[in-house]
Amino acid sequence: MTNKRQELRHIVKASVKLSHSVFGEIDAITADISNTGVFVCIDNKPTLPKGAHIKLQFLSSVYPNVRFNTRVVRVTDEGFGLVFVDYEYHGERFSMDNLKYIWNHEA
């Protein structure tokens, strides 16, 4: 199996909340994260196909009210590989490029 990842992944164990109409809200833990996506480990993982959209919130973030819109790109027994699509903050949607711009200018 070849590695198709374009971005370097970092091992990060963070608490997240996942939301989807099939399962409501569930808590999970990240295994790794990159600029473009995240892998989440889930106990009693619900069945979702590749391409399903899930909202993700980092619970211990400085901005816990930011909700990321993600898409399932990988499904394993342990959890889901999710790619970031965009994010929502105070009811507005923004591109991931917008967030990268903000981070680069606040650092």
N, C-alpha and C. Protein backbone atom coordinates (compact mmCIF):
# COMPACT_ATOMS: atom_id res chain seq x y z
N MET A 1 0.84 -1.18 0.00
CA MET A 1 0.00 0.00 0.00
C MET A 1 0.89 1.25 0.00
N THR A 2 0.64 2.15 -0.92
CA THR A 2 1.44 3.37 -0.99
C THR A 2 0.79 4.46 -0.17
N ASN A 3 1.64 5.35 0.35
CA ASN A 3 1.16 6.48 1.14
C ASN A 3 0.80 7.61 0.19
N LYS A 4 -0.46 8.00 0.15
CA LYS A 4 -0.94 9.05 -0.74
C LYS A 4 -1.00 10.41 -0.07
N ARG A 5 -0.60 10.47 1.19
CA ARG A 5 -0.70 11.72 1.94
C ARG A 5 0.23 12.78 1.37
N GLN A 6 -0.29 14.00 1.26
CA GLN A 6 0.49 15.14 0.79
C GLN A 6 1.10 15.92 1.96
N GLU A 7 0.52 15.79 3.13
CA GLU A 7 0.93 16.57 4.30
C GLU A 7 1.52 15.66 5.37
N LEU A 8 2.49 16.19 6.10
CA LEU A 8 3.08 15.48 7.21
C LEU A 8 2.07 15.37 8.34
N ARG A 9 1.94 14.19 8.92
CA ARG A 9 1.02 13.97 10.03
C ARG A 9 1.79 14.00 11.34
N HIS A 10 1.12 14.56 12.37
CA HIS A 10 1.70 14.63 13.70
C HIS A 10 0.82 13.83 14.64
N ILE A 11 1.44 13.03 15.50
CA ILE A 11 0.67 12.27 16.49
C ILE A 11 0.15 13.25 17.52
N VAL A 12 -1.16 13.33 17.62
CA VAL A 12 -1.82 14.24 18.56
C VAL A 12 -3.02 13.51 19.15
N LYS A 13 -3.04 13.41 20.46
CA LYS A 13 -4.18 12.82 21.16
C LYS A 13 -5.03 13.96 21.71
N ALA A 14 -6.13 14.25 21.05
CA ALA A 14 -7.00 15.35 21.47
C ALA A 14 -8.45 14.87 21.51
N SER A 15 -9.19 15.36 22.48
CA SER A 15 -10.61 15.02 22.59
C SER A 15 -11.40 15.84 21.57
N VAL A 16 -12.27 15.14 20.84
CA VAL A 16 -13.11 15.80 19.84
C VAL A 16 -14.55 15.31 19.99
N LYS A 17 -15.46 16.12 19.48
CA LYS A 17 -16.86 15.73 19.40
C LYS A 17 -17.21 15.65 17.92
N LEU A 18 -17.82 14.52 17.53
CA LEU A 18 -18.25 14.32 16.15
C LEU A 18 -19.77 14.39 16.09
N SER A 19 -20.30 15.02 15.03
CA SER A 19 -21.74 15.15 14.87
C SER A 19 -22.14 14.70 13.46
N HIS A 20 -23.20 13.88 13.41
CA HIS A 20 -23.73 13.40 12.13
C HIS A 20 -25.18 12.97 12.36
N SER A 21 -26.00 13.10 11.34
CA SER A 21 -27.42 12.76 11.49
C SER A 21 -27.64 11.28 11.78
N VAL A 22 -26.73 10.40 11.40
CA VAL A 22 -26.88 8.96 11.64
C VAL A 22 -26.68 8.62 13.12
N PHE A 23 -25.69 9.25 13.78
CA PHE A 23 -25.37 8.87 15.16
C PHE A 23 -25.52 10.00 16.17
N GLY A 24 -25.91 11.18 15.75
CA GLY A 24 -26.03 12.30 16.68
C GLY A 24 -24.65 12.83 17.02
N GLU A 25 -24.32 12.90 18.30
CA GLU A 25 -23.01 13.36 18.74
C GLU A 25 -22.30 12.26 19.51
N ILE A 26 -21.02 12.07 19.21
CA ILE A 26 -20.20 11.11 19.96
C ILE A 26 -18.83 11.73 20.22
N ASP A 27 -18.19 11.29 21.30
CA ASP A 27 -16.85 11.74 21.63
C ASP A 27 -15.85 10.77 21.03
N ALA A 28 -14.70 11.30 20.63
CA ALA A 28 -13.63 10.48 20.04
C ALA A 28 -12.29 11.11 20.43
N ILE A 29 -11.22 10.41 20.06
CA ILE A 29 -9.86 10.88 20.32
C ILE A 29 -9.10 10.86 19.00
N THR A 30 -8.36 11.93 18.73
CA THR A 30 -7.55 11.94 17.51
C THR A 30 -6.34 11.05 17.70
N ALA A 31 -5.88 10.47 16.60
CA ALA A 31 -4.64 9.69 16.61
C ALA A 31 -3.53 10.50 15.97
N ASP A 32 -3.86 11.20 14.89
CA ASP A 32 -2.89 12.07 14.24
C ASP A 32 -3.63 13.17 13.50
N ILE A 33 -2.86 14.21 13.14
CA ILE A 33 -3.46 15.37 12.49
C ILE A 33 -2.44 15.98 11.53
N SER A 34 -2.95 16.57 10.46
CA SER A 34 -2.10 17.31 9.52
C SER A 34 -2.82 18.59 9.15
N ASN A 35 -2.26 19.35 8.24
CA ASN A 35 -2.91 20.58 7.79
C ASN A 35 -4.19 20.31 7.01
N THR A 36 -4.33 19.09 6.50
CA THR A 36 -5.49 18.79 5.65
C THR A 36 -6.48 17.80 6.24
N GLY A 37 -6.11 17.11 7.32
CA GLY A 37 -7.04 16.12 7.86
C GLY A 37 -6.64 15.59 9.21
N VAL A 38 -7.43 14.61 9.66
CA VAL A 38 -7.24 14.04 10.99
C VAL A 38 -7.76 12.60 10.98
N PHE A 39 -7.14 11.73 11.79
CA PHE A 39 -7.68 10.40 12.00
C PHE A 39 -8.26 10.37 13.41
N VAL A 40 -9.52 9.94 13.54
CA VAL A 40 -10.16 9.87 14.85
C VAL A 40 -10.44 8.42 15.21
N CYS A 41 -10.10 8.06 16.45
CA CYS A 41 -10.37 6.73 16.98
C CYS A 41 -11.69 6.79 17.74
N ILE A 42 -12.56 5.81 17.47
CA ILE A 42 -13.91 5.84 18.03
C ILE A 42 -14.25 4.48 18.60
N ASP A 43 -14.65 4.46 19.88
CA ASP A 43 -15.20 3.23 20.46
C ASP A 43 -16.60 3.03 19.87
N ASN A 44 -16.96 1.79 19.60
CA ASN A 44 -18.28 1.48 19.03
C ASN A 44 -18.56 2.34 17.79
N LYS A 45 -17.62 2.30 16.85
CA LYS A 45 -17.68 3.13 15.65
C LYS A 45 -18.96 2.89 14.85
N PRO A 46 -19.69 3.96 14.53
CA PRO A 46 -20.88 3.82 13.70
C PRO A 46 -20.49 3.49 12.26
N THR A 47 -21.41 2.96 11.51
CA THR A 47 -21.16 2.64 10.11
C THR A 47 -21.46 3.84 9.24
N LEU A 48 -20.44 4.31 8.57
CA LEU A 48 -20.57 5.42 7.62
C LEU A 48 -19.71 5.10 6.40
N PRO A 49 -20.17 5.47 5.23
CA PRO A 49 -19.37 5.21 4.03
C PRO A 49 -18.33 6.30 3.78
N LYS A 50 -17.36 6.00 2.94
CA LYS A 50 -16.46 7.04 2.47
C LYS A 50 -17.31 8.10 1.80
N GLY A 51 -16.93 9.35 1.98
CA GLY A 51 -17.67 10.46 1.39
C GLY A 51 -18.68 11.09 2.33
N ALA A 52 -19.01 10.41 3.43
CA ALA A 52 -19.96 10.98 4.40
C ALA A 52 -19.35 12.23 5.03
N HIS A 53 -20.19 13.19 5.35
CA HIS A 53 -19.74 14.44 5.98
C HIS A 53 -20.02 14.39 7.47
N ILE A 54 -19.01 14.80 8.26
CA ILE A 54 -19.09 14.80 9.72
C ILE A 54 -18.62 16.16 10.22
N LYS A 55 -19.32 16.71 11.20
CA LYS A 55 -18.85 17.93 11.88
C LYS A 55 -17.93 17.50 13.02
N LEU A 56 -16.84 18.23 13.21
CA LEU A 56 -15.85 17.91 14.22
C LEU A 56 -15.51 19.16 15.02
N GLN A 57 -15.47 18.99 16.34
CA GLN A 57 -15.12 20.07 17.26
C GLN A 57 -13.98 19.61 18.14
N PHE A 58 -12.92 20.40 18.24
CA PHE A 58 -11.82 20.09 19.16
C PHE A 58 -12.21 20.64 20.53
N LEU A 59 -12.43 19.75 21.49
CA LEU A 59 -12.99 20.15 22.79
C LEU A 59 -12.01 20.93 23.66
N SER A 60 -10.73 20.68 23.53
CA SER A 60 -9.76 21.38 24.38
C SER A 60 -9.06 22.51 23.63
N SER A 61 -9.65 22.96 22.55
CA SER A 61 -9.07 24.02 21.73
C SER A 61 -9.22 25.39 22.38
N VAL A 62 -8.38 26.32 21.99
CA VAL A 62 -8.52 27.71 22.41
C VAL A 62 -9.84 28.26 21.85
N TYR A 63 -10.28 27.72 20.72
CA TYR A 63 -11.54 28.12 20.08
C TYR A 63 -12.48 26.91 19.99
N PRO A 64 -13.05 26.46 21.10
CA PRO A 64 -13.89 25.26 21.06
C PRO A 64 -15.19 25.44 20.27
N ASN A 65 -15.56 26.68 19.96
CA ASN A 65 -16.79 26.91 19.19
C ASN A 65 -16.59 26.79 17.69
N VAL A 66 -15.36 26.57 17.24
CA VAL A 66 -15.09 26.34 15.82
C VAL A 66 -15.50 24.91 15.51
N ARG A 67 -16.33 24.76 14.48
CA ARG A 67 -16.76 23.42 14.05
C ARG A 67 -16.24 23.18 12.64
N PHE A 68 -15.47 22.12 12.50
CA PHE A 68 -14.91 21.77 11.20
C PHE A 68 -15.86 20.85 10.45
N ASN A 69 -16.11 21.17 9.19
CA ASN A 69 -16.85 20.29 8.31
C ASN A 69 -15.82 19.39 7.65
N THR A 70 -16.00 18.07 7.83
CA THR A 70 -15.03 17.11 7.32
C THR A 70 -15.74 16.08 6.44
N ARG A 71 -14.93 15.34 5.68
CA ARG A 71 -15.45 14.28 4.82
C ARG A 71 -14.64 13.01 5.10
N VAL A 72 -15.32 11.88 5.21
CA VAL A 72 -14.67 10.60 5.46
C VAL A 72 -13.92 10.17 4.20
N VAL A 73 -12.61 9.94 4.35
CA VAL A 73 -11.81 9.48 3.22
C VAL A 73 -11.20 8.09 3.48
N ARG A 74 -11.30 7.63 4.74
CA ARG A 74 -10.77 6.32 5.11
C ARG A 74 -11.59 5.76 6.25
N VAL A 75 -11.89 4.48 6.18
CA VAL A 75 -12.63 3.80 7.24
C VAL A 75 -11.84 2.57 7.66
N THR A 76 -11.57 2.45 8.97
CA THR A 76 -10.89 1.27 9.50
C THR A 76 -11.69 0.77 10.69
N ASP A 77 -11.26 -0.35 11.27
CA ASP A 77 -11.92 -0.86 12.47
C ASP A 77 -11.77 0.11 13.64
N GLU A 78 -10.69 0.90 13.64
CA GLU A 78 -10.42 1.82 14.76
C GLU A 78 -11.14 3.15 14.64
N GLY A 79 -11.45 3.58 13.42
CA GLY A 79 -12.08 4.89 13.28
C GLY A 79 -12.13 5.39 11.85
N PHE A 80 -12.09 6.73 11.72
CA PHE A 80 -12.24 7.37 10.42
C PHE A 80 -11.06 8.29 10.12
N GLY A 81 -10.64 8.29 8.86
CA GLY A 81 -9.74 9.31 8.35
C GLY A 81 -10.61 10.40 7.75
N LEU A 82 -10.44 11.62 8.22
CA LEU A 82 -11.28 12.74 7.79
C LEU A 82 -10.43 13.82 7.14
N VAL A 83 -10.93 14.39 6.06
CA VAL A 83 -10.29 15.53 5.43
C VAL A 83 -11.09 16.78 5.79
N PHE A 84 -10.39 17.87 6.11
CA PHE A 84 -11.07 19.12 6.42
C PHE A 84 -11.63 19.72 5.13
N VAL A 85 -12.91 20.09 5.15
CA VAL A 85 -13.55 20.72 4.00
C VAL A 85 -13.56 22.24 4.20
N ASP A 86 -14.11 22.67 5.31
CA ASP A 86 -14.13 24.08 5.70
C ASP A 86 -14.47 24.13 7.17
N TYR A 87 -14.73 25.34 7.70
CA TYR A 87 -15.08 25.43 9.12
C TYR A 87 -16.14 26.48 9.34
N GLU A 88 -16.82 26.37 10.48
CA GLU A 88 -17.88 27.31 10.86
C GLU A 88 -17.51 27.97 12.18
N TYR A 89 -17.78 29.27 12.24
CA TYR A 89 -17.53 30.03 13.46
C TYR A 89 -18.60 31.10 13.56
N HIS A 90 -19.33 31.11 14.66
CA HIS A 90 -20.44 32.04 14.88
C HIS A 90 -21.45 32.02 13.73
N GLY A 91 -21.76 30.81 13.25
CA GLY A 91 -22.79 30.66 12.22
C GLY A 91 -22.35 30.96 10.80
N GLU A 92 -21.09 31.31 10.60
CA GLU A 92 -20.59 31.60 9.25
C GLU A 92 -19.59 30.52 8.84
N ARG A 93 -19.57 30.21 7.53
CA ARG A 93 -18.63 29.22 7.00
C ARG A 93 -17.45 29.93 6.37
N PHE A 94 -16.26 29.34 6.58
CA PHE A 94 -15.02 29.90 6.04
C PHE A 94 -14.19 28.78 5.41
N SER A 95 -13.36 29.15 4.46
CA SER A 95 -12.48 28.18 3.83
C SER A 95 -11.30 27.84 4.75
N MET A 96 -10.71 26.70 4.53
CA MET A 96 -9.53 26.33 5.31
C MET A 96 -8.37 27.28 5.01
N ASP A 97 -8.30 27.81 3.80
CA ASP A 97 -7.26 28.79 3.47
C ASP A 97 -7.37 30.02 4.35
N ASN A 98 -8.60 30.41 4.67
CA ASN A 98 -8.83 31.55 5.55
C ASN A 98 -8.23 31.28 6.93
N LEU A 99 -8.45 30.08 7.45
CA LEU A 99 -7.92 29.71 8.77
C LEU A 99 -6.40 29.68 8.75
N LYS A 100 -5.81 29.14 7.70
CA LYS A 100 -4.35 29.10 7.60
C LYS A 100 -3.78 30.52 7.55
N TYR A 101 -4.46 31.42 6.87
CA TYR A 101 -4.04 32.82 6.81
C TYR A 101 -4.05 33.44 8.20
N ILE A 102 -5.13 33.20 8.94
CA ILE A 102 -5.26 33.76 10.31
C ILE A 102 -4.14 33.22 11.19
N TRP A 103 -3.91 31.88 11.16
CA TRP A 103 -2.87 31.29 11.98
C TRP A 103 -1.50 31.87 11.65
N ASN A 104 -1.20 32.04 10.36
CA ASN A 104 0.10 32.55 9.94
C ASN A 104 0.31 34.00 10.37
N HIS A 105 -0.76 34.76 10.48
CA HIS A 105 -0.62 36.16 10.86
C HIS A 105 -0.74 36.41 12.35
N GLU A 106 -1.19 35.42 13.11
CA GLU A 106 -1.24 35.54 14.57
C GLU A 106 0.02 35.01 15.22
N ALA A 107 0.74 34.17 14.49
CA ALA A 107 1.94 33.52 15.06
C ALA A 107 3.10 34.47 15.21
